Amino acid sequence: MTQGVLFIHSAPRALAPHIEWAAHGVLGMPVRLRWETQPAGRGLLRAELPWRGGEETGARLVSVLRSMGDVRFEVTQESTVHADGARWSCTPDLGVHHAATDTAGNIVLTEDHLRGCMERAGLDPLAMRREIGIALGEPWDEDLEIYRHAGEGVPMRWLHRVS
């Protein structure tokens, strides 16, 4: 078992019940999110959902939400003895970025990932900087930053899954 948080940074009001239904399908329990107005965009809502579940839960949440169109979201998942932690970021324009994380939430790049960055960049230091930025999810962070700050101070509620 692990836990994490689903951050819906922005979603059109019409998708709110569909997001709750999708989360219910993954978590196996009714989900009623506390939707707040997202001040970064007209007609948008935001919500947060702490969750507990199996090690596949974060990936399953991403899978069901990524096809909903105009939804900006992130899913975090804590590490376990069997699996690294993870963070998924999704924007309508960029799609999904996935990264392994350490216990402090820092993104961890593998040797193979860094070698791929070096291969694509060649001898160009600016290209190397760009490749590592992409590997760290910088384009997703830049897109999501305004939506993250607009949600500061919103209370969270923990949900517990009973097996």
Protein backbone atom coordinates (compact mmCIF):
# COMPACT_ATOMS: atom_id res chain seq x y z
CA MET A 1 0.00 0.00 0.00
CA THR A 2 1.03 3.57 -0.65
CA GLN A 3 -0.51 7.01 -0.61
CA GLY A 4 -0.38 10.23 -2.55
CA VAL A 5 -2.34 13.24 -3.68
CA LEU A 6 -4.33 13.96 -6.81
CA PHE A 7 -4.16 17.67 -7.59
CA ILE A 8 -6.74 18.85 -10.11
CA HIS A 9 -5.23 22.24 -10.90
CA SER A 10 -7.85 23.24 -13.44
CA ALA A 11 -10.88 21.60 -14.97
CA PRO A 12 -13.98 22.93 -16.70
CA ARG A 13 -17.01 22.81 -14.41
CA ALA A 14 -18.74 20.29 -16.70
CA LEU A 15 -15.97 17.73 -16.10
CA ALA A 16 -16.17 17.81 -12.29
CA PRO A 17 -18.64 14.90 -11.93
CA HIS A 18 -16.72 12.86 -14.53
CA ILE A 19 -13.48 13.34 -12.58
CA GLU A 20 -15.17 12.21 -9.36
CA TRP A 21 -16.63 9.18 -11.14
CA ALA A 22 -13.20 8.28 -12.60
CA ALA A 23 -11.48 8.60 -9.20
CA HIS A 24 -14.22 6.45 -7.67
CA GLY A 25 -13.54 3.78 -10.28
CA VAL A 26 -9.84 3.71 -9.43
CA LEU A 27 -10.10 4.05 -5.64
CA GLY A 28 -13.08 1.74 -5.24
CA MET A 29 -14.93 4.17 -2.99
CA PRO A 30 -17.28 7.11 -3.57
CA VAL A 31 -15.39 10.36 -4.17
CA ARG A 32 -16.91 13.79 -3.55
CA LEU A 33 -14.30 16.44 -4.13
CA ARG A 34 -14.45 19.88 -2.56
CA TRP A 35 -14.34 21.95 -5.73
CA GLU A 36 -13.01 25.49 -5.50
CA THR A 37 -13.05 28.20 -8.13
CA GLN A 38 -9.73 28.31 -9.98
CA PRO A 39 -8.92 32.03 -10.13
CA ALA A 40 -6.35 31.50 -12.90
CA GLY A 41 -9.08 30.90 -15.51
CA ARG A 42 -12.71 31.75 -16.06
CA GLY A 43 -15.12 28.86 -15.51
CA LEU A 44 -12.42 26.58 -14.11
CA LEU A 45 -12.43 24.60 -10.88
CA ARG A 46 -9.69 23.02 -8.79
CA ALA A 47 -9.60 20.29 -6.12
CA GLU A 48 -7.23 18.06 -4.19
CA LEU A 49 -7.72 14.45 -3.19
CA PRO A 50 -5.34 12.65 -0.86
CA TRP A 51 -5.57 8.93 -1.57
CA ARG A 52 -4.36 5.54 -0.31
CA GLY A 53 -4.14 2.42 -2.39
CA GLY A 54 -1.95 -0.15 -4.08
CA GLU A 55 1.28 0.68 -5.89
CA GLU A 56 -0.57 0.91 -9.22
CA THR A 57 -3.05 3.54 -7.98
CA GLY A 58 -1.16 6.66 -9.10
CA ALA A 59 -0.66 5.33 -12.63
CA ARG A 60 -4.31 4.24 -12.82
CA LEU A 61 -5.51 7.72 -11.78
CA VAL A 62 -3.37 9.29 -14.50
CA SER A 63 -4.62 6.82 -17.06
CA VAL A 64 -8.30 7.62 -16.49
CA LEU A 65 -7.82 11.41 -16.25
CA ARG A 66 -5.45 12.07 -19.14
CA SER A 67 -8.11 11.55 -21.80
CA MET A 68 -10.51 14.15 -20.35
CA GLY A 69 -9.21 17.02 -22.45
CA ASP A 70 -8.87 20.38 -20.75
CA VAL A 71 -7.76 19.09 -17.35
CA ARG A 72 -4.47 20.13 -15.75
CA PHE A 73 -3.50 17.77 -12.96
CA GLU A 74 -0.71 16.14 -11.01
CA VAL A 75 -0.58 12.87 -9.13
CA THR A 76 2.04 12.19 -6.48
CA GLN A 77 2.74 8.79 -5.02
CA GLU A 78 5.00 7.97 -2.07
CA SER A 79 7.67 5.31 -2.35
CA THR A 80 7.29 1.86 -0.81
CA VAL A 81 9.76 -0.91 -0.08
CA HIS A 82 8.95 -2.29 -3.54
CA ALA A 83 8.65 0.84 -5.69
CA ASP A 84 10.06 4.33 -6.10
CA GLY A 85 7.87 7.32 -5.47
CA ALA A 86 6.44 9.04 -8.52
CA ARG A 87 5.04 12.27 -9.84
CA TRP A 88 2.90 12.61 -12.93
CA SER A 89 2.10 16.04 -14.39
CA CYS A 90 -0.42 16.51 -17.17
CA THR A 91 -1.42 19.51 -19.26
CA PRO A 92 -3.69 19.61 -22.31
CA ASP A 93 -0.88 20.80 -24.60
CA LEU A 94 2.07 18.80 -23.25
CA GLY A 95 0.42 15.54 -22.24
CA VAL A 96 1.82 13.48 -19.36
CA HIS A 97 5.26 13.73 -17.78
CA HIS A 98 6.28 10.95 -15.40
CA ALA A 99 9.25 11.01 -13.05
CA ALA A 100 10.53 8.83 -10.24
CA THR A 101 10.92 10.65 -6.93
CA ASP A 102 12.93 10.13 -3.76
CA THR A 103 11.53 10.23 -0.24
CA ALA A 104 11.79 14.05 -0.17
CA GLY A 105 9.84 14.38 -3.44
CA ASN A 106 12.87 15.27 -5.57
CA ILE A 107 12.88 13.95 -9.14
CA VAL A 108 15.45 11.21 -9.65
CA LEU A 109 16.95 10.67 -13.10
CA THR A 110 18.37 7.26 -13.94
CA GLU A 111 21.70 6.64 -15.63
CA ASP A 112 19.91 5.60 -18.83
CA HIS A 113 17.82 8.75 -18.81
CA LEU A 114 20.90 10.95 -18.47
CA ARG A 115 22.69 9.02 -21.21
CA GLY A 116 19.71 9.61 -23.49
CA CYS A 117 19.88 13.34 -22.74
CA MET A 118 23.59 13.34 -23.58
CA GLU A 119 23.01 11.42 -26.82
CA ARG A 120 20.25 13.77 -28.02
CA ALA A 121 22.21 16.90 -27.04
CA GLY A 122 25.53 15.89 -28.58
CA LEU A 123 28.22 18.45 -27.77
CA ASP A 124 25.79 21.38 -27.50
CA PRO A 125 25.64 22.59 -23.85
CA LEU A 126 22.38 24.51 -24.43
CA ALA A 127 20.77 21.41 -25.91
CA MET A 128 21.98 19.42 -22.87
CA ARG A 129 20.41 21.96 -20.54
CA ARG A 130 17.14 21.74 -22.51
CA GLU A 131 17.16 17.91 -22.46
CA ILE A 132 17.75 17.76 -18.71
CA GLY A 133 15.02 20.38 -18.21
CA ILE A 134 12.58 18.22 -20.14
CA ALA A 135 13.65 15.15 -18.13
CA LEU A 136 12.96 17.09 -14.92
CA GLY A 137 9.56 18.21 -16.19
CA GLU A 138 10.35 21.94 -16.46
CA PRO A 139 7.90 22.63 -19.33
CA TRP A 140 5.09 21.05 -17.26
CA ASP A 141 6.12 23.00 -14.16
CA GLU A 142 6.08 26.26 -16.14
CA ASP A 143 2.58 25.55 -17.44
CA LEU A 144 1.20 24.45 -14.07
CA GLU A 145 2.83 27.07 -11.84
CA ILE A 146 0.10 29.70 -12.15
CA TYR A 147 -2.55 27.08 -11.37
CA ARG A 148 -0.63 25.75 -8.36
CA HIS A 149 -0.30 29.18 -6.74
CA ALA A 150 -3.95 29.97 -7.35
CA GLY A 151 -4.79 27.02 -5.08
CA GLU A 152 -2.66 27.96 -2.09
CA GLY A 153 -4.52 27.79 1.19
CA VAL A 154 -7.18 25.34 -0.03
CA PRO A 155 -7.84 22.75 2.70
CA MET A 156 -7.26 19.03 2.07
CA ARG A 157 -9.20 16.08 3.40
CA TRP A 158 -7.71 12.59 3.81
CA LEU A 159 -9.69 9.62 2.53
CA HIS A 160 -8.93 6.13 3.81
CA ARG A 161 -9.51 3.01 1.80
CA VAL A 162 -10.71 0.04 3.77
CA SER A 163 -9.66 -3.31 2.31
